[in-house]
Amino acid sequence: MTEEQEQQEQAPVGGVITKIERQARSKQRYNVFLDGLFAFSVHEDLMVKFRLLKGASIEPGEYEHILIEEERHRGYSSALRLLSSRLRSEYEIRERLKRKEFEAEVIDHVAARLKNEGYLNDEMFAEMLTKQRSESHKKGRHWIKQELQQKGIPKEHITNALEQVDEAVEVEAAYQLASKRYRKDWEEDRLKARRKIAGFLQRRGYSGNVVSKVMAKMPAASGDEDWHEFPEQSDFDE
């Protein structure tokens, strides 16, 4: 429990606003005093919403409502900061807010608001992540499916996103990876290279069918110059 929360527990639950002061470390937050005692701190948006002015009276019921709205606002602001760095799934946002010890009611409220405002959309998230992993990171569907599951994406959204992956694009991406990494091995010992390539591509999430098609694209004989041209790849993690 923070020092501010401890002060709120000891504060009056109603009274007249006798003092309002802006916090030194957060210019958008204000400390509110009731009958000379610190009562709570709120964001400036709630100062306006509840018309918190010096001399105004706050009834116990209104006091509790203000505290609930303040906690919801804190949760919402925290979620927006997370979303400002990258898109996240609803599950990810909920888990991060849990770690910050927000109550379940607050988390539900924040998630509903973010979805209503378009900041949380698991279907769109699944499609965008699938496209990025498939095209930029050159990961196969099995890898992508597992990652989406870990991020709590509903099954139907995962299925729809993976259905949009073009197998021909997958095969070409996998071929580029394999031919760049194992060209020398292939020219020296094709049987050994096949095992290496199969294991490598499967670890990146490519299906057996994609692996077979990659093998079919490889040059038929050692020393064959019929290697497909491909661009340099910066993302080459295994």
C-alpha atoms as a PDB file:
ATOM      1  CA  MET A   1       0.000   0.000   0.000  1.00  0.00           C
ATOM      2  CA  THR A   2       1.342   3.431  -0.961  1.00  0.00           C
ATOM      3  CA  GLU A   3       1.651   6.341   1.448  1.00  0.00           C
ATOM      4  CA  GLU A   4      -1.121   8.108  -0.445  1.00  0.00           C
ATOM      5  CA  GLN A   5      -3.461   5.120  -0.054  1.00  0.00           C
ATOM      6  CA  GLU A   6      -2.699   4.937   3.674  1.00  0.00           C
ATOM      7  CA  GLN A   7      -3.585   8.609   4.013  1.00  0.00           C
ATOM      8  CA  GLN A   8      -6.850   8.036   2.166  1.00  0.00           C
ATOM      9  CA  GLU A   9      -7.819   5.237   4.559  1.00  0.00           C
ATOM     10  CA  GLN A  10      -7.433   7.646   7.475  1.00  0.00           C
ATOM     11  CA  ALA A  11      -9.150  10.525   5.679  1.00  0.00           C
ATOM     12  CA  PRO A  12     -12.717  11.745   6.272  1.00  0.00           C
ATOM     13  CA  VAL A  13     -15.342  10.253   3.955  1.00  0.00           C
ATOM     14  CA  GLY A  14     -17.128  13.530   3.409  1.00  0.00           C
ATOM     15  CA  GLY A  15     -16.989  17.200   4.259  1.00  0.00           C
ATOM     16  CA  VAL A  16     -16.129  20.595   2.833  1.00  0.00           C
ATOM     17  CA  ILE A  17     -13.166  21.123   0.511  1.00  0.00           C
ATOM     18  CA  THR A  18     -10.882  23.455   2.428  1.00  0.00           C
ATOM     19  CA  LYS A  19      -7.750  23.184   0.310  1.00  0.00           C
ATOM     20  CA  ILE A  20      -6.653  22.030  -3.150  1.00  0.00           C
ATOM     21  CA  GLU A  21      -2.993  21.812  -4.113  1.00  0.00           C
ATOM     22  CA  ARG A  22      -1.230  20.673  -7.274  1.00  0.00           C
ATOM     23  CA  GLN A  23       1.246  17.844  -6.767  1.00  0.00           C
ATOM     24  CA  ALA A  24       4.882  18.798  -7.275  1.00  0.00           C
ATOM     25  CA  ARG A  25       5.851  15.644  -9.168  1.00  0.00           C
ATOM     26  CA  SER A  26       2.715  15.356 -11.291  1.00  0.00           C
ATOM     27  CA  LYS A  27       1.299  18.607 -12.591  1.00  0.00           C
ATOM     28  CA  GLN A  28      -1.933  16.925 -13.720  1.00  0.00           C
ATOM     29  CA  ARG A  29      -2.800  15.640 -10.250  1.00  0.00           C
ATOM     30  CA  TYR A  30      -4.221  17.491  -7.259  1.00  0.00           C
ATOM     31  CA  ASN A  31      -4.436  16.795  -3.535  1.00  0.00           C
ATOM     32  CA  VAL A  32      -7.845  17.530  -2.040  1.00  0.00           C
ATOM     33  CA  PHE A  33      -8.346  18.337   1.660  1.00  0.00           C
ATOM     34  CA  LEU A  34     -11.676  18.002   3.468  1.00  0.00           C
ATOM     35  CA  ASP A  35     -12.201  19.961   6.682  1.00  0.00           C
ATOM     36  CA  GLY A  36      -8.466  20.628   6.892  1.00  0.00           C
ATOM     37  CA  LEU A  37      -7.372  16.994   6.418  1.00  0.00           C
ATOM     38  CA  PHE A  38      -5.932  15.334   3.313  1.00  0.00           C
ATOM     39  CA  ALA A  39      -8.715  13.262   1.744  1.00  0.00           C
ATOM     40  CA  PHE A  40      -7.597  12.068  -1.696  1.00  0.00           C
ATOM     41  CA  SER A  41      -5.690  12.937  -4.850  1.00  0.00           C
ATOM     42  CA  VAL A  42      -7.239  13.008  -8.306  1.00  0.00           C
ATOM     43  CA  HIS A  43      -6.366  13.673 -11.919  1.00  0.00           C
ATOM     44  CA  GLU A  44      -7.330  17.090 -13.250  1.00  0.00           C
ATOM     45  CA  ASP A  45      -9.932  15.474 -15.548  1.00  0.00           C
ATOM     46  CA  LEU A  46     -11.848  14.338 -12.469  1.00  0.00           C
ATOM     47  CA  MET A  47     -11.449  17.748 -10.858  1.00  0.00           C
ATOM     48  CA  VAL A  48     -13.444  19.102 -13.780  1.00  0.00           C
ATOM     49  CA  LYS A  49     -15.896  16.193 -13.981  1.00  0.00           C
ATOM     50  CA  PHE A  50     -16.906  16.418 -10.313  1.00  0.00           C
ATOM     51  CA  ARG A  51     -16.490  20.212 -10.074  1.00  0.00           C
ATOM     52  CA  LEU A  52     -14.136  19.938  -7.139  1.00  0.00           C
ATOM     53  CA  LEU A  53     -13.706  23.523  -5.976  1.00  0.00           C
ATOM     54  CA  LYS A  54     -12.684  25.030  -2.662  1.00  0.00           C
ATOM     55  CA  GLY A  55     -15.758  25.454  -0.483  1.00  0.00           C
ATOM     56  CA  ALA A  56     -17.749  22.696  -2.180  1.00  0.00           C
ATOM     57  CA  SER A  57     -19.341  20.004  -0.016  1.00  0.00           C
ATOM     58  CA  ILE A  58     -18.788  16.306  -0.674  1.00  0.00           C
ATOM     59  CA  GLU A  59     -21.251  13.763   0.674  1.00  0.00           C
ATOM     60  CA  PRO A  60     -20.021  10.282   1.727  1.00  0.00           C
ATOM     61  CA  GLY A  61     -21.636   8.613  -1.291  1.00  0.00           C
ATOM     62  CA  GLU A  62     -20.060  11.072  -3.698  1.00  0.00           C
ATOM     63  CA  TYR A  63     -16.707  10.652  -1.966  1.00  0.00           C
ATOM     64  CA  GLU A  64     -16.745   6.898  -2.624  1.00  0.00           C
ATOM     65  CA  HIS A  65     -17.785   7.484  -6.232  1.00  0.00           C
ATOM     66  CA  ILE A  66     -14.875   9.873  -6.771  1.00  0.00           C
ATOM     67  CA  LEU A  67     -12.397   7.304  -5.426  1.00  0.00           C
ATOM     68  CA  ILE A  68     -13.800   4.599  -7.723  1.00  0.00           C
ATOM     69  CA  GLU A  69     -13.575   6.876 -10.757  1.00  0.00           C
ATOM     70  CA  GLU A  70     -10.040   7.890  -9.809  1.00  0.00           C
ATOM     71  CA  GLU A  71      -8.924   4.257  -9.636  1.00  0.00           C
ATOM     72  CA  ARG A  72     -10.538   3.569 -13.012  1.00  0.00           C
ATOM     73  CA  HIS A  73      -8.775   6.590 -14.461  1.00  0.00           C
ATOM     74  CA  ARG A  74      -5.431   5.374 -13.113  1.00  0.00           C
ATOM     75  CA  GLY A  75      -5.990   1.959 -14.654  1.00  0.00           C
ATOM     76  CA  TYR A  76      -6.994   3.477 -17.984  1.00  0.00           C
ATOM     77  CA  SER A  77      -3.939   5.751 -18.051  1.00  0.00           C
ATOM     78  CA  SER A  78      -1.674   2.827 -17.198  1.00  0.00           C
ATOM     79  CA  ALA A  79      -3.149   0.767 -20.044  1.00  0.00           C
ATOM     80  CA  LEU A  80      -2.707   3.617 -22.529  1.00  0.00           C
ATOM     81  CA  ARG A  81       0.967   3.877 -21.598  1.00  0.00           C
ATOM     82  CA  LEU A  82       1.362   0.172 -22.343  1.00  0.00           C
ATOM     83  CA  LEU A  83      -0.408   0.534 -25.679  1.00  0.00           C
ATOM     84  CA  SER A  84       1.723   3.532 -26.643  1.00  0.00           C
ATOM     85  CA  SER A  85       4.781   1.285 -27.027  1.00  0.00           C
ATOM     86  CA  ARG A  86       3.092  -1.441 -29.109  1.00  0.00           C
ATOM     87  CA  LEU A  87      -0.236  -3.100 -29.799  1.00  0.00           C
ATOM     88  CA  ARG A  88      -1.295  -5.597 -27.149  1.00  0.00           C
ATOM     89  CA  SER A  89      -3.999  -8.198 -26.738  1.00  0.00           C
ATOM     90  CA  GLU A  90      -6.762  -7.850 -24.173  1.00  0.00           C
ATOM     91  CA  TYR A  91      -5.192 -10.680 -22.170  1.00  0.00           C
ATOM     92  CA  GLU A  92      -1.839  -8.874 -22.058  1.00  0.00           C
ATOM     93  CA  ILE A  93      -3.438  -5.655 -20.821  1.00  0.00           C
ATOM     94  CA  ARG A  94      -5.439  -7.488 -18.169  1.00  0.00           C
ATOM     95  CA  GLU A  95      -2.365  -9.352 -16.922  1.00  0.00           C
ATOM     96  CA  ARG A  96      -0.272  -6.191 -16.694  1.00  0.00           C
ATOM     97  CA  LEU A  97      -2.998  -4.393 -14.743  1.00  0.00           C
ATOM     98  CA  LYS A  98      -3.282  -7.374 -12.390  1.00  0.00           C
ATOM     99  CA  ARG A  99       0.445  -7.132 -11.730  1.00  0.00           C
ATOM    100  CA  LYS A 100      -0.063  -3.489 -10.856  1.00  0.00           C
ATOM    101  CA  GLU A 101      -2.649  -4.688  -8.297  1.00  0.00           C
ATOM    102  CA  PHE A 102      -5.734  -3.096  -9.813  1.00  0.00           C
ATOM    103  CA  GLU A 103      -9.027  -4.627  -8.685  1.00  0.00           C
ATOM    104  CA  ALA A 104     -10.981  -6.896 -11.043  1.00  0.00           C
ATOM    105  CA  GLU A 105     -13.783  -4.333 -11.393  1.00  0.00           C
ATOM    106  CA  VAL A 106     -11.299  -1.681 -12.498  1.00  0.00           C
ATOM    107  CA  ILE A 107      -9.659  -4.036 -14.998  1.00  0.00           C
ATOM    108  CA  ASP A 108     -13.042  -4.989 -16.481  1.00  0.00           C
ATOM    109  CA  HIS A 109     -13.992  -1.323 -16.782  1.00  0.00           C
ATOM    110  CA  VAL A 110     -10.683  -0.391 -18.443  1.00  0.00           C
ATOM    111  CA  ALA A 111     -10.841  -3.303 -20.910  1.00  0.00           C
ATOM    112  CA  ALA A 112     -14.421  -2.445 -21.886  1.00  0.00           C
ATOM    113  CA  ARG A 113     -13.539   1.222 -22.402  1.00  0.00           C
ATOM    114  CA  LEU A 114     -10.456   0.431 -24.480  1.00  0.00           C
ATOM    115  CA  LYS A 115     -12.436  -1.942 -26.701  1.00  0.00           C
ATOM    116  CA  ASN A 116     -15.223   0.601 -27.120  1.00  0.00           C
ATOM    117  CA  GLU A 117     -12.677   3.250 -28.142  1.00  0.00           C
ATOM    118  CA  GLY A 118     -10.916   0.889 -30.562  1.00  0.00           C
ATOM    119  CA  TYR A 119      -7.644   0.602 -28.651  1.00  0.00           C
ATOM    120  CA  LEU A 120      -8.175  -3.105 -27.956  1.00  0.00           C
ATOM    121  CA  ASN A 121      -9.170  -5.379 -30.817  1.00  0.00           C
ATOM    122  CA  ASP A 122      -7.973  -8.974 -30.611  1.00  0.00           C
ATOM    123  CA  GLU A 123      -9.121  -9.814 -34.133  1.00  0.00           C
ATOM    124  CA  MET A 124      -7.118  -6.964 -35.676  1.00  0.00           C
ATOM    125  CA  PHE A 125      -4.199  -7.689 -33.337  1.00  0.00           C
ATOM    126  CA  ALA A 126      -4.080 -11.330 -34.493  1.00  0.00           C
ATOM    127  CA  GLU A 127      -4.119 -10.349 -38.165  1.00  0.00           C
ATOM    128  CA  MET A 128      -1.378  -7.733 -37.797  1.00  0.00           C
ATOM    129  CA  LEU A 129       0.906  -9.926 -35.689  1.00  0.00           C
ATOM    130  CA  THR A 130       0.441 -12.852 -38.091  1.00  0.00           C
ATOM    131  CA  LYS A 131       1.354 -10.702 -41.086  1.00  0.00           C
ATOM    132  CA  GLN A 132       4.415  -9.283 -39.331  1.00  0.00           C
ATOM    133  CA  ARG A 133       5.703 -12.627 -38.089  1.00  0.00           C
ATOM    134  CA  SER A 134       5.079 -14.343 -41.421  1.00  0.00           C
ATOM    135  CA  GLU A 135       6.494 -11.703 -43.753  1.00  0.00           C
ATOM    136  CA  SER A 136       9.081  -9.773 -41.738  1.00  0.00           C
ATOM    137  CA  HIS A 137      10.258 -12.346 -39.200  1.00  0.00           C
ATOM    138  CA  LYS A 138       9.760 -15.329 -41.516  1.00  0.00           C
ATOM    139  CA  LYS A 139       8.016 -17.518 -38.976  1.00  0.00           C
ATOM    140  CA  GLY A 140       5.744 -20.414 -39.877  1.00  0.00           C
ATOM    141  CA  ARG A 141       2.112 -20.860 -38.924  1.00  0.00           C
ATOM    142  CA  HIS A 142       2.825 -23.222 -36.034  1.00  0.00           C
ATOM    143  CA  TRP A 143       5.112 -20.656 -34.397  1.00  0.00           C
ATOM    144  CA  ILE A 144       2.596 -17.860 -34.960  1.00  0.00           C
ATOM    145  CA  LYS A 145      -0.291 -19.949 -33.626  1.00  0.00           C
ATOM    146  CA  GLN A 146       1.606 -20.694 -30.429  1.00  0.00           C
ATOM    147  CA  GLU A 147       2.503 -17.032 -29.929  1.00  0.00           C
ATOM    148  CA  LEU A 148      -1.107 -15.937 -30.427  1.00  0.00           C
ATOM    149  CA  GLN A 149      -2.269 -18.556 -27.926  1.00  0.00           C
ATOM    150  CA  GLN A 150       0.258 -17.282 -25.390  1.00  0.00           C
ATOM    151  CA  LYS A 151      -1.155 -13.792 -25.846  1.00  0.00           C
ATOM    152  CA  GLY A 152      -4.642 -15.055 -25.034  1.00  0.00           C
ATOM    153  CA  ILE A 153      -6.169 -14.540 -28.482  1.00  0.00           C
ATOM    154  CA  PRO A 154      -9.502 -16.389 -28.905  1.00  0.00           C
ATOM    155  CA  LYS A 155      -9.353 -19.509 -31.064  1.00  0.00           C
ATOM    156  CA  GLU A 156     -11.615 -18.136 -33.802  1.00  0.00           C
ATOM    157  CA  HIS A 157      -9.407 -15.073 -34.299  1.00  0.00           C
ATOM    158  CA  ILE A 158      -6.293 -17.259 -34.502  1.00  0.00           C
ATOM    159  CA  THR A 159      -7.924 -19.478 -37.113  1.00  0.00           C
ATOM    160  CA  ASN A 160      -9.063 -16.519 -39.216  1.00  0.00           C
ATOM    161  CA  ALA A 161      -5.653 -14.834 -39.066  1.00  0.00           C
ATOM    162  CA  LEU A 162      -3.731 -17.964 -40.059  1.00  0.00           C
ATOM    163  CA  GLU A 163      -6.103 -18.627 -42.956  1.00  0.00           C
ATOM    164  CA  GLN A 164      -4.895 -15.374 -44.505  1.00  0.00           C
ATOM    165  CA  VAL A 165      -1.303 -16.617 -44.731  1.00  0.00           C
ATOM    166  CA  ASP A 166      -0.461 -17.505 -48.342  1.00  0.00           C
ATOM    167  CA  GLU A 167       1.372 -20.834 -48.424  1.00  0.00           C
ATOM    168  CA  ALA A 168       3.289 -19.783 -51.536  1.00  0.00           C
ATOM    169  CA  VAL A 169       4.657 -16.804 -49.603  1.00  0.00           C
ATOM    170  CA  GLU A 170       5.532 -19.126 -46.715  1.00  0.00           C
ATOM    171  CA  VAL A 171       7.399 -21.490 -49.023  1.00  0.00           C
ATOM    172  CA  GLU A 172       9.392 -18.672 -50.615  1.00  0.00           C
ATOM    173  CA  ALA A 173      10.294 -17.177 -47.227  1.00  0.00           C
ATOM    174  CA  ALA A 174      11.352 -20.577 -45.887  1.00  0.00           C
ATOM    175  CA  TYR A 175      13.368 -21.251 -49.040  1.00  0.00           C
ATOM    176  CA  GLN A 176      15.217 -17.957 -48.679  1.00  0.00           C
ATOM    177  CA  LEU A 177      16.126 -18.800 -45.093  1.00  0.00           C
ATOM    178  CA  ALA A 178      17.242 -22.341 -45.895  1.00  0.00           C
ATOM    179  CA  SER A 179      19.223 -21.525 -49.026  1.00  0.00           C
ATOM    180  CA  LYS A 180      21.053 -18.657 -47.363  1.00  0.00           C
ATOM    181  CA  ARG A 181      21.916 -20.619 -44.230  1.00  0.00           C
ATOM    182  CA  TYR A 182      22.599 -24.055 -45.694  1.00  0.00           C
ATOM    183  CA  ARG A 183      23.782 -23.479 -49.266  1.00  0.00           C
ATOM    184  CA  LYS A 184      27.301 -24.703 -48.507  1.00  0.00           C
ATOM    185  CA  ASP A 185      25.989 -27.740 -46.596  1.00  0.00           C
ATOM    186  CA  TRP A 186      23.695 -28.604 -49.508  1.00  0.00           C
ATOM    187  CA  GLU A 187      26.547 -28.529 -51.982  1.00  0.00           C
ATOM    188  CA  GLU A 188      28.720 -30.732 -49.755  1.00  0.00           C
ATOM    189  CA  ASP A 189      26.226 -33.335 -48.501  1.00  0.00           C
ATOM    190  CA  ARG A 190      22.589 -33.068 -49.556  1.00  0.00           C
ATOM    191  CA  LEU A 191      21.333 -35.835 -47.252  1.00  0.00           C
ATOM    192  CA  LYS A 192      22.869 -34.230 -44.189  1.00  0.00           C
ATOM    193  CA  ALA A 193      21.720 -30.802 -45.343  1.00  0.00           C
ATOM    194  CA  ARG A 194      18.136 -32.052 -45.703  1.00  0.00           C
ATOM    195  CA  ARG A 195      18.072 -33.060 -42.044  1.00  0.00           C
ATOM    196  CA  LYS A 196      19.513 -29.712 -40.975  1.00  0.00           C
ATOM    197  CA  ILE A 197      17.093 -27.728 -43.116  1.00  0.00           C
ATOM    198  CA  ALA A 198      14.062 -29.720 -41.963  1.00  0.00           C
ATOM    199  CA  GLY A 199      14.934 -29.232 -38.298  1.00  0.00           C
ATOM    200  CA  PHE A 200      15.703 -25.545 -38.773  1.00  0.00           C
ATOM    201  CA  LEU A 201      12.448 -24.779 -40.584  1.00  0.00           C
ATOM    202  CA  GLN A 202      10.334 -26.836 -38.199  1.00  0.00           C
ATOM    203  CA  ARG A 203      11.799 -24.922 -35.255  1.00  0.00           C
ATOM    204  CA  ARG A 204      10.657 -21.734 -36.967  1.00  0.00           C
ATOM    205  CA  GLY A 205       7.142 -23.117 -37.137  1.00  0.00           C
ATOM    206  CA  TYR A 206       6.910 -24.233 -40.757  1.00  0.00           C
ATOM    207  CA  SER A 207       4.729 -27.235 -41.523  1.00  0.00           C
ATOM    208  CA  GLY A 208       5.943 -30.493 -43.020  1.00  0.00           C
ATOM    209  CA  ASN A 209       4.211 -29.596 -46.271  1.00  0.00           C
ATOM    210  CA  VAL A 210       6.086 -26.295 -46.512  1.00  0.00           C
ATOM    211  CA  VAL A 211       9.380 -28.036 -45.707  1.00  0.00           C
ATOM    212  CA  SER A 212       8.756 -30.589 -48.483  1.00  0.00           C
ATOM    213  CA  LYS A 213       8.088 -27.836 -51.015  1.00  0.00           C
ATOM    214  CA  VAL A 214      11.268 -26.042 -49.955  1.00  0.00           C
ATOM    215  CA  MET A 215      13.254 -29.226 -50.581  1.00  0.00           C
ATOM    216  CA  ALA A 216      11.709 -29.472 -54.036  1.00  0.00           C
ATOM    217  CA  LYS A 217      12.947 -25.960 -54.846  1.00  0.00           C
ATOM    218  CA  MET A 218      16.545 -26.737 -53.906  1.00  0.00           C
ATOM    219  CA  PRO A 219      19.015 -27.353 -56.789  1.00  0.00           C
ATOM    220  CA  ALA A 220      18.925 -30.928 -58.022  1.00  0.00           C
ATOM    221  CA  ALA A 221      22.680 -31.484 -58.031  1.00  0.00           C
ATOM    222  CA  SER A 222      25.795 -30.288 -56.243  1.00  0.00           C
ATOM    223  CA  GLY A 223      27.346 -27.331 -57.968  1.00  0.00           C
ATOM    224  CA  ASP A 224      24.063 -26.446 -59.682  1.00  0.00           C
ATOM    225  CA  GLU A 225      23.926 -22.699 -60.209  1.00  0.00           C
ATOM    226  CA  ASP A 226      20.125 -22.631 -60.185  1.00  0.00           C
ATOM    227  CA  TRP A 227      19.867 -20.942 -56.771  1.00  0.00           C
ATOM    228  CA  HIS A 228      17.047 -18.455 -56.439  1.00  0.00           C
ATOM    229  CA  GLU A 229      18.141 -14.901 -55.789  1.00  0.00           C
ATOM    230  CA  PHE A 230      16.979 -13.427 -52.504  1.00  0.00           C
ATOM    231  CA  PRO A 231      17.542 -10.199 -50.554  1.00  0.00           C
ATOM    232  CA  GLU A 232      19.725  -9.938 -47.491  1.00  0.00           C
ATOM    233  CA  GLN A 233      17.823 -10.580 -44.272  1.00  0.00           C
ATOM    234  CA  SER A 234      18.444  -8.534 -41.154  1.00  0.00           C
ATOM    235  CA  ASP A 235      16.141 -10.627 -38.986  1.00  0.00           C
ATOM    236  CA  PHE A 236      17.876 -13.971 -38.952  1.00  0.00           C
ATOM    237  CA  ASP A 237      17.341 -15.303 -35.467  1.00  0.00           C
ATOM    238  CA  GLU A 238      16.781 -18.977 -34.927  1.00  0.00           C
END
